[in-house]
Amino acid sequence: DGVTELVLDMAELLYLSSAGLRVVLAAQKRM
């Protein structure tokens, strides 16, 4: 709420599944 710029820093992310992709996509749609 109230955020106009979102940065997802994945420097330490080791694995991304389809469930994670869904959350990233939902965040993109909201932003």
PDB file of all heavy atoms in Angstrom:
ATOM      1  N   ASP A   1       0.841  -1.198   0.000  1.00  0.00           N
ATOM      2  CA  ASP A   1       0.000   0.000   0.000  1.00  0.00           C
ATOM      3  C   ASP A   1       0.877   1.249   0.000  1.00  0.00           C
ATOM      4  O   ASP A   1       1.749   1.410   0.854  1.00  0.00           O
ATOM      5  CB  ASP A   1      -0.931   0.026   1.217  1.00  0.00           C
ATOM      6  CG  ASP A   1      -2.077  -0.968   1.083  1.00  0.00           C
ATOM      7  OD1 ASP A   1      -2.336  -1.422  -0.044  1.00  0.00           O
ATOM      8  OD2 ASP A   1      -2.693  -1.286   2.112  1.00  0.00           O
ATOM      9  N   GLY A   2       0.667   2.125  -0.970  1.00  0.00           N
ATOM     10  CA  GLY A   2       1.418   3.374  -1.056  1.00  0.00           C
ATOM     11  C   GLY A   2       2.782   3.252  -1.713  1.00  0.00           C
ATOM     12  O   GLY A   2       3.468   4.250  -1.912  1.00  0.00           O
ATOM     13  N   VAL A   3       3.198   2.032  -2.059  1.00  0.00           N
ATOM     14  CA  VAL A   3       4.503   1.822  -2.696  1.00  0.00           C
ATOM     15  C   VAL A   3       4.369   2.083  -4.200  1.00  0.00           C
ATOM     16  O   VAL A   3       3.463   1.562  -4.838  1.00  0.00           O
ATOM     17  CB  VAL A   3       5.011   0.382  -2.440  1.00  0.00           C
ATOM     18  CG1 VAL A   3       6.256   0.088  -3.261  1.00  0.00           C
ATOM     19  CG2 VAL A   3       5.276   0.173  -0.960  1.00  0.00           C
ATOM     20  N   THR A   4       5.265   2.902  -4.736  1.00  0.00           N
ATOM     21  CA  THR A   4       5.249   3.160  -6.175  1.00  0.00           C
ATOM     22  C   THR A   4       6.437   2.506  -6.885  1.00  0.00           C
ATOM     23  O   THR A   4       6.456   2.418  -8.107  1.00  0.00           O
ATOM     24  CB  THR A   4       5.261   4.667  -6.476  1.00  0.00           C
ATOM     25  OG1 THR A   4       6.418   5.252  -5.879  1.00  0.00           O
ATOM     26  CG2 THR A   4       3.996   5.340  -5.943  1.00  0.00           C
ATOM     27  N   GLU A   5       7.425   2.069  -6.117  1.00  0.00           N
ATOM     28  CA  GLU A   5       8.578   1.381  -6.692  1.00  0.00           C
ATOM     29  C   GLU A   5       8.914   0.176  -5.828  1.00  0.00           C
ATOM     30  O   GLU A   5       9.237   0.314  -4.653  1.00  0.00           O
ATOM     31  CB  GLU A   5       9.781   2.313  -6.781  1.00  0.00           C
ATOM     32  CG  GLU A   5      10.961   1.678  -7.475  1.00  0.00           C
ATOM     33  CD  GLU A   5      12.169   2.601  -7.588  1.00  0.00           C
ATOM     34  OE1 GLU A   5      12.054   3.790  -7.270  1.00  0.00           O
ATOM     35  OE2 GLU A   5      13.221   2.100  -8.003  1.00  0.00           O
ATOM     36  N   LEU A   6       8.832  -1.005  -6.428  1.00  0.00           N
ATOM     37  CA  LEU A   6       9.152  -2.256  -5.735  1.00  0.00           C
ATOM     38  C   LEU A   6      10.370  -2.877  -6.394  1.00  0.00           C
ATOM     39  O   LEU A   6      10.426  -3.002  -7.619  1.00  0.00           O
ATOM     40  CB  LEU A   6       7.973  -3.230  -5.806  1.00  0.00           C
ATOM     41  CG  LEU A   6       8.220  -4.639  -5.261  1.00  0.00           C
ATOM     42  CD1 LEU A   6       8.526  -4.607  -3.762  1.00  0.00           C
ATOM     43  CD2 LEU A   6       7.022  -5.545  -5.541  1.00  0.00           C
ATOM     44  N   VAL A   7      11.343  -3.246  -5.572  1.00  0.00           N
ATOM     45  CA  VAL A   7      12.538  -3.939  -6.051  1.00  0.00           C
ATOM     46  C   VAL A   7      12.580  -5.303  -5.381  1.00  0.00           C
ATOM     47  O   VAL A   7      12.563  -5.387  -4.151  1.00  0.00           O
ATOM     48  CB  VAL A   7      13.826  -3.153  -5.728  1.00  0.00           C
ATOM     49  CG1 VAL A   7      15.056  -3.939  -6.184  1.00  0.00           C
ATOM     50  CG2 VAL A   7      13.800  -1.772  -6.368  1.00  0.00           C
ATOM     51  N   LEU A   8      12.598  -6.357  -6.187  1.00  0.00           N
ATOM     52  CA  LEU A   8      12.808  -7.711  -5.670  1.00  0.00           C
ATOM     53  C   LEU A   8      14.264  -8.074  -5.918  1.00  0.00           C
ATOM     54  O   LEU A   8      14.680  -8.261  -7.061  1.00  0.00           O
ATOM     55  CB  LEU A   8      11.892  -8.719  -6.364  1.00  0.00           C
ATOM     56  CG  LEU A   8      10.406  -8.617  -6.084  1.00  0.00           C
ATOM     57  CD1 LEU A   8       9.652  -9.722  -6.834  1.00  0.00           C
ATOM     58  CD2 LEU A   8      10.113  -8.711  -4.602  1.00  0.00           C
ATOM     59  N   ASP A   9      15.030  -8.139  -4.840  1.00  0.00           N
ATOM     60  CA  ASP A   9      16.462  -8.450  -4.926  1.00  0.00           C
ATOM     61  C   ASP A   9      16.627  -9.955  -4.748  1.00  0.00           C
ATOM     62  O   ASP A   9      16.358 -10.499  -3.676  1.00  0.00           O
ATOM     63  CB  ASP A   9      17.217  -7.683  -3.838  1.00  0.00           C
ATOM     64  CG  ASP A   9      18.719  -7.877  -3.926  1.00  0.00           C
ATOM     65  OD1 ASP A   9      19.171  -8.824  -4.607  1.00  0.00           O
ATOM     66  OD2 ASP A   9      19.437  -7.086  -3.298  1.00  0.00           O
ATOM     67  N   MET A  10      17.064 -10.622  -5.808  1.00  0.00           N
ATOM     68  CA  MET A  10      17.181 -12.076  -5.797  1.00  0.00           C
ATOM     69  C   MET A  10      18.628 -12.548  -5.719  1.00  0.00           C
ATOM     70  O   MET A  10      18.937 -13.684  -6.087  1.00  0.00           O
ATOM     71  CB  MET A  10      16.487 -12.659  -7.030  1.00  0.00           C
ATOM     72  CG  MET A  10      15.004 -12.381  -7.066  1.00  0.00           C
ATOM     73  SD  MET A  10      14.193 -13.275  -8.401  1.00  0.00           S
ATOM     74  CE  MET A  10      12.473 -12.905  -8.026  1.00  0.00           C
ATOM     75  N   ALA A  11      19.515 -11.709  -5.194  1.00  0.00           N
ATOM     76  CA  ALA A  11      20.939 -12.054  -5.126  1.00  0.00           C
ATOM     77  C   ALA A  11      21.182 -13.352  -4.359  1.00  0.00           C
ATOM     78  O   ALA A  11      22.081 -14.125  -4.712  1.00  0.00           O
ATOM     79  CB  ALA A  11      21.726 -10.912  -4.482  1.00  0.00           C
ATOM     80  N   GLU A  12      20.384 -13.606  -3.329  1.00  0.00           N
ATOM     81  CA  GLU A  12      20.588 -14.787  -2.482  1.00  0.00           C
ATOM     82  C   GLU A  12      19.508 -15.848  -2.690  1.00  0.00           C
ATOM     83  O   GLU A  12      19.399 -16.780  -1.902  1.00  0.00           O
ATOM     84  CB  GLU A  12      20.626 -14.370  -1.006  1.00  0.00           C
ATOM     85  CG  GLU A  12      21.718 -13.376  -0.671  1.00  0.00           C
ATOM     86  CD  GLU A  12      23.118 -13.948  -0.863  1.00  0.00           C
ATOM     87  OE1 GLU A  12      23.310 -15.145  -0.603  1.00  0.00           O
ATOM     88  OE2 GLU A  12      24.007 -13.190  -1.288  1.00  0.00           O
ATOM     89  N   LEU A  13      18.698 -15.693  -3.748  1.00  0.00           N
ATOM     90  CA  LEU A  13      17.646 -16.671  -4.028  1.00  0.00           C
ATOM     91  C   LEU A  13      18.261 -17.837  -4.813  1.00  0.00           C
ATOM     92  O   LEU A  13      18.880 -17.635  -5.844  1.00  0.00           O
ATOM     93  CB  LEU A  13      16.511 -16.029  -4.825  1.00  0.00           C
ATOM     94  CG  LEU A  13      15.230 -16.856  -4.930  1.00  0.00           C
ATOM     95  CD1 LEU A  13      14.579 -17.032  -3.559  1.00  0.00           C
ATOM     96  CD2 LEU A  13      14.247 -16.198  -5.885  1.00  0.00           C
ATOM     97  N   LEU A  14      18.070 -19.041  -4.294  1.00  0.00           N
ATOM     98  CA  LEU A  14      18.703 -20.216  -4.881  1.00  0.00           C
ATOM     99  C   LEU A  14      17.784 -21.000  -5.810  1.00  0.00           C
ATOM    100  O   LEU A  14      18.254 -21.705  -6.701  1.00  0.00           O
ATOM    101  CB  LEU A  14      19.178 -21.157  -3.763  1.00  0.00           C
ATOM    102  CG  LEU A  14      20.110 -20.541  -2.724  1.00  0.00           C
ATOM    103  CD1 LEU A  14      20.358 -21.520  -1.595  1.00  0.00           C
ATOM    104  CD2 LEU A  14      21.400 -20.089  -3.375  1.00  0.00           C
ATOM    105  N   TYR A  15      16.465 -20.896  -5.577  1.00  0.00           N
ATOM    106  CA  TYR A  15      15.520 -21.732  -6.323  1.00  0.00           C
ATOM    107  C   TYR A  15      14.199 -20.994  -6.444  1.00  0.00           C
ATOM    108  O   TYR A  15      13.768 -20.321  -5.507  1.00  0.00           O
ATOM    109  CB  TYR A  15      15.318 -23.056  -5.574  1.00  0.00           C
ATOM    110  CG  TYR A  15      14.293 -23.954  -6.201  1.00  0.00           C
ATOM    111  CD1 TYR A  15      14.591 -24.742  -7.310  1.00  0.00           C
ATOM    112  CD2 TYR A  15      13.001 -24.015  -5.689  1.00  0.00           C
ATOM    113  CE1 TYR A  15      13.636 -25.560  -7.892  1.00  0.00           C
ATOM    114  CE2 TYR A  15      12.041 -24.844  -6.262  1.00  0.00           C
ATOM    115  CZ  TYR A  15      12.369 -25.615  -7.359  1.00  0.00           C
ATOM    116  OH  TYR A  15      11.422 -26.420  -7.928  1.00  0.00           O
ATOM    117  N   LEU A  16      13.545 -21.154  -7.594  1.00  0.00           N
ATOM    118  CA  LEU A  16      12.253 -20.515  -7.847  1.00  0.00           C
ATOM    119  C   LEU A  16      11.341 -21.527  -8.529  1.00  0.00           C
ATOM    120  O   LEU A  16      11.658 -22.007  -9.619  1.00  0.00           O
ATOM    121  CB  LEU A  16      12.444 -19.285  -8.738  1.00  0.00           C
ATOM    122  CG  LEU A  16      11.206 -18.495  -9.126  1.00  0.00           C
ATOM    123  CD1 LEU A  16      10.559 -17.851  -7.905  1.00  0.00           C
ATOM    124  CD2 LEU A  16      11.552 -17.438 -10.152  1.00  0.00           C
ATOM    125  N   SER A  17      10.225 -21.868  -7.874  1.00  0.00           N
ATOM    126  CA  SER A  17       9.277 -22.841  -8.433  1.00  0.00           C
ATOM    127  C   SER A  17       8.119 -22.109  -9.110  1.00  0.00           C
ATOM    128  O   SER A  17       8.030 -20.880  -9.084  1.00  0.00           O
ATOM    129  CB  SER A  17       8.728 -23.734  -7.324  1.00  0.00           C
ATOM    130  OG  SER A  17       7.779 -23.020  -6.550  1.00  0.00           O
ATOM    131  N   SER A  18       7.192 -22.883  -9.669  1.00  0.00           N
ATOM    132  CA  SER A  18       6.021 -22.284 -10.301  1.00  0.00           C
ATOM    133  C   SER A  18       5.169 -21.522  -9.286  1.00  0.00           C
ATOM    134  O   SER A  18       4.574 -20.494  -9.619  1.00  0.00           O
ATOM    135  CB  SER A  18       5.189 -23.352 -11.007  1.00  0.00           C
ATOM    136  OG  SER A  18       4.753 -24.335 -10.083  1.00  0.00           O
ATOM    137  N   ALA A  19       5.132 -21.986  -8.056  1.00  0.00           N
ATOM    138  CA  ALA A  19       4.389 -21.263  -7.013  1.00  0.00           C
ATOM    139  C   ALA A  19       5.028 -19.900  -6.754  1.00  0.00           C
ATOM    140  O   ALA A  19       4.338 -18.899  -6.559  1.00  0.00           O
ATOM    141  CB  ALA A  19       4.343 -22.082  -5.721  1.00  0.00           C
ATOM    142  N   GLY A  20       6.350 -19.853  -6.776  1.00  0.00           N
ATOM    143  CA  GLY A  20       7.058 -18.588  -6.624  1.00  0.00           C
ATOM    144  C   GLY A  20       6.831 -17.672  -7.808  1.00  0.00           C
ATOM    145  O   GLY A  20       6.657 -16.462  -7.647  1.00  0.00           O
ATOM    146  N   LEU A  21       6.817 -18.249  -9.006  1.00  0.00           N
ATOM    147  CA  LEU A  21       6.542 -17.458 -10.213  1.00  0.00           C
ATOM    148  C   LEU A  21       5.169 -16.796 -10.128  1.00  0.00           C
ATOM    149  O   LEU A  21       5.000 -15.647 -10.523  1.00  0.00           O
ATOM    150  CB  LEU A  21       6.611 -18.338 -11.463  1.00  0.00           C
ATOM    151  CG  LEU A  21       7.997 -18.729 -11.948  1.00  0.00           C
ATOM    152  CD1 LEU A  21       7.890 -19.789 -13.030  1.00  0.00           C
ATOM    153  CD2 LEU A  21       8.764 -17.520 -12.450  1.00  0.00           C
ATOM    154  N   ARG A  22       4.185 -17.523  -9.602  1.00  0.00           N
ATOM    155  CA  ARG A  22       2.834 -16.985  -9.483  1.00  0.00           C
ATOM    156  C   ARG A  22       2.824 -15.754  -8.575  1.00  0.00           C
ATOM    157  O   ARG A  22       2.188 -14.746  -8.885  1.00  0.00           O
ATOM    158  CB  ARG A  22       1.894 -18.060  -8.925  1.00  0.00           C
ATOM    159  CG  ARG A  22       0.448 -17.620  -8.855  1.00  0.00           C
ATOM    160  CD  ARG A  22      -0.422 -18.654  -8.160  1.00  0.00           C
ATOM    161  NE  ARG A  22       0.016 -18.981  -6.813  1.00  0.00           N
ATOM    162  CZ  ARG A  22      -0.189 -18.210  -5.741  1.00  0.00           C
ATOM    163  NH1 ARG A  22      -0.822 -17.072  -5.861  1.00  0.00           N
ATOM    164  NH2 ARG A  22       0.239 -18.587  -4.564  1.00  0.00           N
ATOM    165  N   VAL A  23       3.562 -15.806  -7.472  1.00  0.00           N
ATOM    166  CA  VAL A  23       3.623 -14.674  -6.546  1.00  0.00           C
ATOM    167  C   VAL A  23       4.334 -13.483  -7.194  1.00  0.00           C
ATOM    168  O   VAL A  23       3.897 -12.337  -7.062  1.00  0.00           O
ATOM    169  CB  VAL A  23       4.319 -15.080  -5.219  1.00  0.00           C
ATOM    170  CG1 VAL A  23       4.499 -13.880  -4.311  1.00  0.00           C
ATOM    171  CG2 VAL A  23       3.513 -16.171  -4.523  1.00  0.00           C
ATOM    172  N   VAL A  24       5.417 -13.750  -7.922  1.00  0.00           N
ATOM    173  CA  VAL A  24       6.135 -12.682  -8.619  1.00  0.00           C
ATOM    174  C   VAL A  24       5.230 -12.038  -9.663  1.00  0.00           C
ATOM    175  O   VAL A  24       5.181 -10.809  -9.794  1.00  0.00           O
ATOM    176  CB  VAL A  24       7.441 -13.223  -9.245  1.00  0.00           C
ATOM    177  CG1 VAL A  24       8.086 -12.176 -10.142  1.00  0.00           C
ATOM    178  CG2 VAL A  24       8.417 -13.672  -8.159  1.00  0.00           C
ATOM    179  N   LEU A  25       4.484 -12.846 -10.403  1.00  0.00           N
ATOM    180  CA  LEU A  25       3.572 -12.321 -11.411  1.00  0.00           C
ATOM    181  C   LEU A  25       2.457 -11.480 -10.783  1.00  0.00           C
ATOM    182  O   LEU A  25       2.119 -10.405 -11.292  1.00  0.00           O
ATOM    183  CB  LEU A  25       2.969 -13.461 -12.231  1.00  0.00           C
ATOM    184  CG  LEU A  25       2.006 -13.048 -13.338  1.00  0.00           C
ATOM    185  CD1 LEU A  25       2.706 -12.148 -14.352  1.00  0.00           C
ATOM    186  CD2 LEU A  25       1.424 -14.278 -14.024  1.00  0.00           C
ATOM    187  N   ALA A  26       1.924 -11.943  -9.664  1.00  0.00           N
ATOM    188  CA  ALA A  26       0.882 -11.180  -8.969  1.00  0.00           C
ATOM    189  C   ALA A  26       1.423  -9.829  -8.500  1.00  0.00           C
ATOM    190  O   ALA A  26       0.737  -8.800  -8.604  1.00  0.00           O
ATOM    191  CB  ALA A  26       0.334 -11.980  -7.787  1.00  0.00           C
ATOM    192  N   ALA A  27       2.660  -9.823  -8.006  1.00  0.00           N
ATOM    193  CA  ALA A  27       3.283  -8.562  -7.587  1.00  0.00           C
ATOM    194  C   ALA A  27       3.465  -7.635  -8.782  1.00  0.00           C
ATOM    195  O   ALA A  27       3.218  -6.422  -8.685  1.00  0.00           O
ATOM    196  CB  ALA A  27       4.624  -8.842  -6.912  1.00  0.00           C
ATOM    197  N   GLN A  28       3.880  -8.190  -9.919  1.00  0.00           N
ATOM    198  CA  GLN A  28       4.064  -7.380 -11.128  1.00  0.00           C
ATOM    199  C   GLN A  28       2.736  -6.767 -11.564  1.00  0.00           C
ATOM    200  O   GLN A  28       2.672  -5.586 -11.896  1.00  0.00           O
ATOM    201  CB  GLN A  28       4.647  -8.235 -12.259  1.00  0.00           C
ATOM    202  CG  GLN A  28       4.849  -7.484 -13.552  1.00  0.00           C
ATOM    203  CD  GLN A  28       5.876  -6.371 -13.420  1.00  0.00           C
ATOM    204  OE1 GLN A  28       7.037  -6.648 -13.152  1.00  0.00           O
ATOM    205  NE2 GLN A  28       5.468  -5.139 -13.603  1.00  0.00           N
ATOM    206  N   LYS A  29       1.675  -7.560 -11.554  1.00  0.00           N
ATOM    207  CA  LYS A  29       0.363  -7.045 -11.950  1.00  0.00           C
ATOM    208  C   LYS A  29      -0.093  -5.926 -11.034  1.00  0.00           C
ATOM    209  O   LYS A  29      -0.628  -4.915 -11.489  1.00  0.00           O
ATOM    210  CB  LYS A  29      -0.667  -8.177 -11.956  1.00  0.00           C
ATOM    211  CG  LYS A  29      -0.515  -9.112 -13.124  1.00  0.00           C
ATOM    212  CD  LYS A  29      -1.581 -10.194 -13.100  1.00  0.00           C
ATOM    213  CE  LYS A  29      -1.474 -11.081 -14.316  1.00  0.00           C
ATOM    214  NZ  LYS A  29      -2.500 -12.131 -14.319  1.00  0.00           N
ATOM    215  N   ARG A  30       0.127  -6.094  -9.730  1.00  0.00           N
ATOM    216  CA  ARG A  30      -0.273  -5.045  -8.789  1.00  0.00           C
ATOM    217  C   ARG A  30       0.553  -3.776  -9.005  1.00  0.00           C
ATOM    218  O   ARG A  30       0.027  -2.668  -9.010  1.00  0.00           O
ATOM    219  CB  ARG A  30      -0.131  -5.533  -7.351  1.00  0.00           C
ATOM    220  CG  ARG A  30      -0.528  -4.475  -6.351  1.00  0.00           C
ATOM    221  CD  ARG A  30      -0.803  -4.997  -5.001  1.00  0.00           C
ATOM    222  NE  ARG A  30      -1.112  -3.906  -4.079  1.00  0.00           N
ATOM    223  CZ  ARG A  30      -1.194  -4.051  -2.780  1.00  0.00           C
ATOM    224  NH1 ARG A  30      -1.050  -5.242  -2.244  1.00  0.00           N
ATOM    225  NH2 ARG A  30      -1.449  -3.012  -2.016  1.00  0.00           N
ATOM    226  N   MET A  31       1.860  -3.944  -9.205  1.00  0.00           N
ATOM    227  CA  MET A  31       2.720  -2.785  -9.387  1.00  0.00           C
ATOM    228  C   MET A  31       2.472  -2.099 -10.721  1.00  0.00           C
ATOM    229  O   MET A  31       2.697  -0.898 -10.849  1.00  0.00           O
ATOM    230  CB  MET A  31       4.193  -3.168  -9.230  1.00  0.00           C
ATOM    231  CG  MET A  31       4.589  -3.531  -7.806  1.00  0.00           C
ATOM    232  SD  MET A  31       4.073  -2.326  -6.539  1.00  0.00           S
ATOM    233  CE  MET A  31       4.976  -0.880  -7.075  1.00  0.00           C
TER     234      MET A  31
END
